[in-house]
């Protein structure tokens, strides 16, 4: 039975699509859903783009708080997503970390600290710091990489000057698009 899940998808210029996606079951992580070759759609007949996710009851926000528009549903191309996060508090809880640590033991890898610089889109990019569990090299072939204990800063140019703005996250977790990673350090 399909279930609704609240999600925030961030694209260029600070656009945030806040709404609900449908997942086929509650045990599936949003990360796994969006990394799947066939993203789940509650009604596949509504699908226009192969590389998209449909969001329902959507608010399009600019500057983190200004509602620009509202939609009953909208399709967002996954190639345009810079990062996303969901309302699953468990994603960064101890149970999830235990699952990740179990995976790490199987692969003989340890948690890694990563710093990521995203590509610049419309005079804006993100500086991201966090922890990655598992094989970063293996996951770099996925569409999205999960990062926990995240701190994220948007760096943007306005009237010829560069500014920085910290981004608040509800669970200190994001999934970053591998197609928007320009540079990374892993330690």
C-alpha atoms as a PDB file:
ATOM      1  CA  UNK A   1       0.000   0.000   0.000  1.00  0.00           C
ATOM      2  CA  UNK A   2       1.469   3.360  -1.028  1.00  0.00           C
ATOM      3  CA  UNK A   3       2.287   5.819   1.724  1.00  0.00           C
ATOM      4  CA  UNK A   4       2.748   9.600   1.674  1.00  0.00           C
ATOM      5  CA  UNK A   5       6.057  11.047   2.896  1.00  0.00           C
ATOM      6  CA  UNK A   6       6.946  14.716   3.347  1.00  0.00           C
ATOM      7  CA  UNK A   7      10.008  15.788   1.364  1.00  0.00           C
ATOM      8  CA  UNK A   8      11.920  18.978   0.573  1.00  0.00           C
ATOM      9  CA  UNK A   9      13.668  19.101  -2.798  1.00  0.00           C
ATOM     10  CA  UNK A  10      16.155  21.909  -3.482  1.00  0.00           C
ATOM     11  CA  UNK A  11      16.987  22.967  -7.031  1.00  0.00           C
ATOM     12  CA  UNK A  12      18.833  25.990  -8.399  1.00  0.00           C
ATOM     13  CA  UNK A  13      18.652  29.526  -7.017  1.00  0.00           C
ATOM     14  CA  UNK A  14      17.395  28.338  -3.632  1.00  0.00           C
ATOM     15  CA  UNK A  15      14.090  26.993  -4.960  1.00  0.00           C
ATOM     16  CA  UNK A  16      12.551  24.542  -2.492  1.00  0.00           C
ATOM     17  CA  UNK A  17       9.703  22.251  -3.392  1.00  0.00           C
ATOM     18  CA  UNK A  18       7.973  21.247  -0.116  1.00  0.00           C
ATOM     19  CA  UNK A  19       5.361  18.542  -0.439  1.00  0.00           C
ATOM     20  CA  UNK A  20       4.596  14.835  -0.333  1.00  0.00           C
ATOM     21  CA  UNK A  21       5.817  11.951  -2.418  1.00  0.00           C
ATOM     22  CA  UNK A  22       4.352   8.473  -2.473  1.00  0.00           C
ATOM     23  CA  UNK A  23       6.498   5.480  -1.568  1.00  0.00           C
ATOM     24  CA  UNK A  24       5.412   1.879  -2.167  1.00  0.00           C
ATOM     25  CA  UNK A  25       5.927   0.983   1.524  1.00  0.00           C
ATOM     26  CA  UNK A  26       7.065   2.605   4.767  1.00  0.00           C
ATOM     27  CA  UNK A  27      10.303   0.615   5.008  1.00  0.00           C
ATOM     28  CA  UNK A  28      11.758   2.050   1.799  1.00  0.00           C
ATOM     29  CA  UNK A  29      14.121   4.981   2.372  1.00  0.00           C
ATOM     30  CA  UNK A  30      13.607   8.031   0.163  1.00  0.00           C
ATOM     31  CA  UNK A  31      17.269   7.731  -0.850  1.00  0.00           C
ATOM     32  CA  UNK A  32      16.706   4.204  -2.158  1.00  0.00           C
ATOM     33  CA  UNK A  33      13.540   5.277  -3.966  1.00  0.00           C
ATOM     34  CA  UNK A  34      15.246   8.124  -5.843  1.00  0.00           C
ATOM     35  CA  UNK A  35      18.317   5.986  -6.620  1.00  0.00           C
ATOM     36  CA  UNK A  36      16.087   3.304  -8.119  1.00  0.00           C
ATOM     37  CA  UNK A  37      16.150   2.934 -11.912  1.00  0.00           C
ATOM     38  CA  UNK A  38      12.327   3.040 -11.826  1.00  0.00           C
ATOM     39  CA  UNK A  39      11.111   5.736  -9.455  1.00  0.00           C
ATOM     40  CA  UNK A  40       7.736   4.818  -7.929  1.00  0.00           C
ATOM     41  CA  UNK A  41       4.667   6.764  -9.091  1.00  0.00           C
ATOM     42  CA  UNK A  42       1.291   6.319  -7.428  1.00  0.00           C
ATOM     43  CA  UNK A  43      -0.352   6.802 -10.839  1.00  0.00           C
ATOM     44  CA  UNK A  44       2.145   5.960 -13.610  1.00  0.00           C
ATOM     45  CA  UNK A  45      -0.208   7.335 -16.296  1.00  0.00           C
ATOM     46  CA  UNK A  46       0.600  10.881 -15.047  1.00  0.00           C
ATOM     47  CA  UNK A  47       4.322  10.484 -15.703  1.00  0.00           C
ATOM     48  CA  UNK A  48       5.693  12.881 -18.342  1.00  0.00           C
ATOM     49  CA  UNK A  49       9.450  12.648 -17.723  1.00  0.00           C
ATOM     50  CA  UNK A  50      11.304   9.370 -17.203  1.00  0.00           C
ATOM     51  CA  UNK A  51      13.793  11.183 -14.980  1.00  0.00           C
ATOM     52  CA  UNK A  52      11.345  12.807 -12.531  1.00  0.00           C
ATOM     53  CA  UNK A  53       9.575  12.525  -9.211  1.00  0.00           C
ATOM     54  CA  UNK A  54       6.001  13.657  -8.659  1.00  0.00           C
ATOM     55  CA  UNK A  55       5.348  15.777  -5.582  1.00  0.00           C
ATOM     56  CA  UNK A  56       1.853  16.417  -4.206  1.00  0.00           C
ATOM     57  CA  UNK A  57       0.426  19.335  -2.157  1.00  0.00           C
ATOM     58  CA  UNK A  58       3.452  21.415  -3.106  1.00  0.00           C
ATOM     59  CA  UNK A  59       4.643  24.803  -1.981  1.00  0.00           C
ATOM     60  CA  UNK A  60       7.405  26.349  -4.090  1.00  0.00           C
ATOM     61  CA  UNK A  61       9.511  28.472  -1.759  1.00  0.00           C
ATOM     62  CA  UNK A  62      12.235  30.949  -2.615  1.00  0.00           C
ATOM     63  CA  UNK A  63      14.663  32.325  -0.023  1.00  0.00           C
ATOM     64  CA  UNK A  64      13.655  29.472   2.347  1.00  0.00           C
ATOM     65  CA  UNK A  65      10.424  31.141   3.471  1.00  0.00           C
ATOM     66  CA  UNK A  66       8.653  33.046   0.687  1.00  0.00           C
ATOM     67  CA  UNK A  67       5.902  30.959  -0.929  1.00  0.00           C
ATOM     68  CA  UNK A  68       6.104  31.675  -4.641  1.00  0.00           C
ATOM     69  CA  UNK A  69       3.416  29.238  -5.813  1.00  0.00           C
ATOM     70  CA  UNK A  70       1.298  26.267  -4.741  1.00  0.00           C
ATOM     71  CA  UNK A  71       0.509  23.167  -6.791  1.00  0.00           C
ATOM     72  CA  UNK A  72      -1.723  20.148  -6.269  1.00  0.00           C
ATOM     73  CA  UNK A  73       1.068  18.153  -7.898  1.00  0.00           C
ATOM     74  CA  UNK A  74       4.188  18.863  -9.880  1.00  0.00           C
ATOM     75  CA  UNK A  75       6.911  16.817 -11.569  1.00  0.00           C
ATOM     76  CA  UNK A  76      10.500  17.742 -10.753  1.00  0.00           C
ATOM     77  CA  UNK A  77      13.251  16.376 -12.977  1.00  0.00           C
ATOM     78  CA  UNK A  78      15.780  14.479 -10.856  1.00  0.00           C
ATOM     79  CA  UNK A  79      18.625  15.934 -12.912  1.00  0.00           C
ATOM     80  CA  UNK A  80      17.681  19.380 -11.539  1.00  0.00           C
ATOM     81  CA  UNK A  81      17.729  18.303  -7.870  1.00  0.00           C
ATOM     82  CA  UNK A  82      20.845  19.527  -6.033  1.00  0.00           C
ATOM     83  CA  UNK A  83      19.879  17.932  -2.713  1.00  0.00           C
ATOM     84  CA  UNK A  84      16.837  16.745  -0.823  1.00  0.00           C
ATOM     85  CA  UNK A  85      15.779  15.690   2.633  1.00  0.00           C
ATOM     86  CA  UNK A  86      12.667  14.119   4.063  1.00  0.00           C
ATOM     87  CA  UNK A  87      10.727  14.169   7.304  1.00  0.00           C
ATOM     88  CA  UNK A  88      11.977  10.768   8.374  1.00  0.00           C
ATOM     89  CA  UNK A  89      13.528  11.551  11.741  1.00  0.00           C
ATOM     90  CA  UNK A  90      14.855   8.006  11.812  1.00  0.00           C
ATOM     91  CA  UNK A  91      17.224   8.691   8.921  1.00  0.00           C
ATOM     92  CA  UNK A  92      19.841  10.129  11.273  1.00  0.00           C
ATOM     93  CA  UNK A  93      18.878   8.228  14.416  1.00  0.00           C
ATOM     94  CA  UNK A  94      20.844   5.500  16.179  1.00  0.00           C
ATOM     95  CA  UNK A  95      18.996   2.675  14.381  1.00  0.00           C
ATOM     96  CA  UNK A  96      19.999   4.056  10.973  1.00  0.00           C
ATOM     97  CA  UNK A  97      23.573   4.571  12.167  1.00  0.00           C
ATOM     98  CA  UNK A  98      23.629   0.950  13.420  1.00  0.00           C
ATOM     99  CA  UNK A  99      22.412  -0.227   9.988  1.00  0.00           C
ATOM    100  CA  UNK A 100      25.115   1.840   8.334  1.00  0.00           C
ATOM    101  CA  UNK A 101      27.779   0.592  10.739  1.00  0.00           C
ATOM    102  CA  UNK A 102      26.737  -3.018  10.017  1.00  0.00           C
ATOM    103  CA  UNK A 103      27.173  -2.304   6.320  1.00  0.00           C
ATOM    104  CA  UNK A 104      30.567  -0.745   7.057  1.00  0.00           C
ATOM    105  CA  UNK A 105      31.687  -3.890   8.913  1.00  0.00           C
ATOM    106  CA  UNK A 106      30.748  -6.040   5.923  1.00  0.00           C
ATOM    107  CA  UNK A 107      32.735  -3.836   3.543  1.00  0.00           C
ATOM    108  CA  UNK A 108      35.600  -3.181   6.004  1.00  0.00           C
ATOM    109  CA  UNK A 109      35.202   0.551   5.591  1.00  0.00           C
ATOM    110  CA  UNK A 110      34.695   3.106   8.336  1.00  0.00           C
ATOM    111  CA  UNK A 111      32.585   6.229   8.536  1.00  0.00           C
ATOM    112  CA  UNK A 112      34.174   8.929   6.439  1.00  0.00           C
ATOM    113  CA  UNK A 113      34.076  12.680   6.805  1.00  0.00           C
ATOM    114  CA  UNK A 114      33.351  14.418   3.529  1.00  0.00           C
ATOM    115  CA  UNK A 115      33.483  17.969   2.317  1.00  0.00           C
ATOM    116  CA  UNK A 116      31.641  18.670  -0.901  1.00  0.00           C
ATOM    117  CA  UNK A 117      31.539  21.705  -3.137  1.00  0.00           C
ATOM    118  CA  UNK A 118      28.628  21.658  -5.560  1.00  0.00           C
ATOM    119  CA  UNK A 119      28.633  23.032  -9.064  1.00  0.00           C
ATOM    120  CA  UNK A 120      27.732  26.681  -9.393  1.00  0.00           C
ATOM    121  CA  UNK A 121      24.228  27.306 -10.673  1.00  0.00           C
ATOM    122  CA  UNK A 122      23.152  30.910 -11.307  1.00  0.00           C
ATOM    123  CA  UNK A 123      25.916  32.424  -9.130  1.00  0.00           C
ATOM    124  CA  UNK A 124      25.240  30.087  -6.203  1.00  0.00           C
ATOM    125  CA  UNK A 125      26.825  26.905  -4.853  1.00  0.00           C
ATOM    126  CA  UNK A 126      26.890  24.882  -1.627  1.00  0.00           C
ATOM    127  CA  UNK A 127      29.725  24.028   0.756  1.00  0.00           C
ATOM    128  CA  UNK A 128      28.707  20.810   2.531  1.00  0.00           C
ATOM    129  CA  UNK A 129      30.410  18.998   5.431  1.00  0.00           C
ATOM    130  CA  UNK A 130      29.217  15.736   6.914  1.00  0.00           C
ATOM    131  CA  UNK A 131      29.660  12.033   7.518  1.00  0.00           C
ATOM    132  CA  UNK A 132      29.199   9.280   4.988  1.00  0.00           C
ATOM    133  CA  UNK A 133      28.778   5.623   5.926  1.00  0.00           C
ATOM    134  CA  UNK A 134      29.935   2.953   3.486  1.00  0.00           C
ATOM    135  CA  UNK A 135      31.930   3.016   0.286  1.00  0.00           C
ATOM    136  CA  UNK A 136      31.846   6.550  -1.130  1.00  0.00           C
ATOM    137  CA  UNK A 137      33.407   5.349  -4.382  1.00  0.00           C
ATOM    138  CA  UNK A 138      30.648   2.751  -4.847  1.00  0.00           C
ATOM    139  CA  UNK A 139      27.879   5.213  -3.957  1.00  0.00           C
ATOM    140  CA  UNK A 140      29.303   7.859  -6.299  1.00  0.00           C
ATOM    141  CA  UNK A 141      27.731   5.838  -9.135  1.00  0.00           C
ATOM    142  CA  UNK A 142      24.259   6.401  -7.628  1.00  0.00           C
ATOM    143  CA  UNK A 143      22.146   9.468  -8.379  1.00  0.00           C
ATOM    144  CA  UNK A 144      22.128  10.585  -4.718  1.00  0.00           C
ATOM    145  CA  UNK A 145      24.542  10.110  -1.818  1.00  0.00           C
ATOM    146  CA  UNK A 146      23.245  10.193   1.782  1.00  0.00           C
ATOM    147  CA  UNK A 147      25.207  12.446   4.156  1.00  0.00           C
ATOM    148  CA  UNK A 148      24.529  12.606   7.922  1.00  0.00           C
ATOM    149  CA  UNK A 149      25.653  15.096  10.582  1.00  0.00           C
ATOM    150  CA  UNK A 150      25.520  17.722   7.838  1.00  0.00           C
ATOM    151  CA  UNK A 151      26.357  21.375   7.937  1.00  0.00           C
ATOM    152  CA  UNK A 152      25.576  23.196   4.723  1.00  0.00           C
ATOM    153  CA  UNK A 153      26.329  26.734   3.644  1.00  0.00           C
ATOM    154  CA  UNK A 154      25.046  28.396   0.503  1.00  0.00           C
ATOM    155  CA  UNK A 155      27.564  30.717  -1.129  1.00  0.00           C
ATOM    156  CA  UNK A 156      25.965  33.146  -3.525  1.00  0.00           C
ATOM    157  CA  UNK A 157      26.824  36.232  -5.509  1.00  0.00           C
ATOM    158  CA  UNK A 158      24.627  39.306  -5.242  1.00  0.00           C
ATOM    159  CA  UNK A 159      25.409  42.679  -6.821  1.00  0.00           C
ATOM    160  CA  UNK A 160      28.987  41.583  -7.555  1.00  0.00           C
ATOM    161  CA  UNK A 161      29.769  40.437  -3.991  1.00  0.00           C
ATOM    162  CA  UNK A 162      29.895  36.928  -2.509  1.00  0.00           C
ATOM    163  CA  UNK A 163      27.830  36.101   0.584  1.00  0.00           C
ATOM    164  CA  UNK A 164      27.413  33.031   2.794  1.00  0.00           C
ATOM    165  CA  UNK A 165      24.225  31.754   4.374  1.00  0.00           C
ATOM    166  CA  UNK A 166      23.981  28.687   6.624  1.00  0.00           C
ATOM    167  CA  UNK A 167      21.102  26.358   5.769  1.00  0.00           C
ATOM    168  CA  UNK A 168      19.076  24.882   8.639  1.00  0.00           C
ATOM    169  CA  UNK A 169      18.119  21.219   8.327  1.00  0.00           C
ATOM    170  CA  UNK A 170      15.544  19.466  10.533  1.00  0.00           C
ATOM    171  CA  UNK A 171      17.511  16.210  10.958  1.00  0.00           C
ATOM    172  CA  UNK A 172      21.062  17.149   9.867  1.00  0.00           C
ATOM    173  CA  UNK A 173      20.660  14.840   6.888  1.00  0.00           C
ATOM    174  CA  UNK A 174      20.609  15.350   3.112  1.00  0.00           C
ATOM    175  CA  UNK A 175      21.028  13.360  -0.051  1.00  0.00           C
ATOM    176  CA  UNK A 176      23.250  15.189  -2.508  1.00  0.00           C
ATOM    177  CA  UNK A 177      22.993  14.708  -6.249  1.00  0.00           C
ATOM    178  CA  UNK A 178      26.177  13.176  -7.644  1.00  0.00           C
ATOM    179  CA  UNK A 179      25.693  15.155 -10.857  1.00  0.00           C
ATOM    180  CA  UNK A 180      26.025  18.405  -8.868  1.00  0.00           C
ATOM    181  CA  UNK A 181      29.230  17.488  -7.013  1.00  0.00           C
ATOM    182  CA  UNK A 182      32.137  19.514  -8.373  1.00  0.00           C
ATOM    183  CA  UNK A 183      34.782  18.636  -5.777  1.00  0.00           C
ATOM    184  CA  UNK A 184      35.126  16.543  -2.634  1.00  0.00           C
ATOM    185  CA  UNK A 185      37.588  15.605   0.074  1.00  0.00           C
ATOM    186  CA  UNK A 186      37.224  12.389   2.037  1.00  0.00           C
ATOM    187  CA  UNK A 187      38.997  11.640   5.310  1.00  0.00           C
END
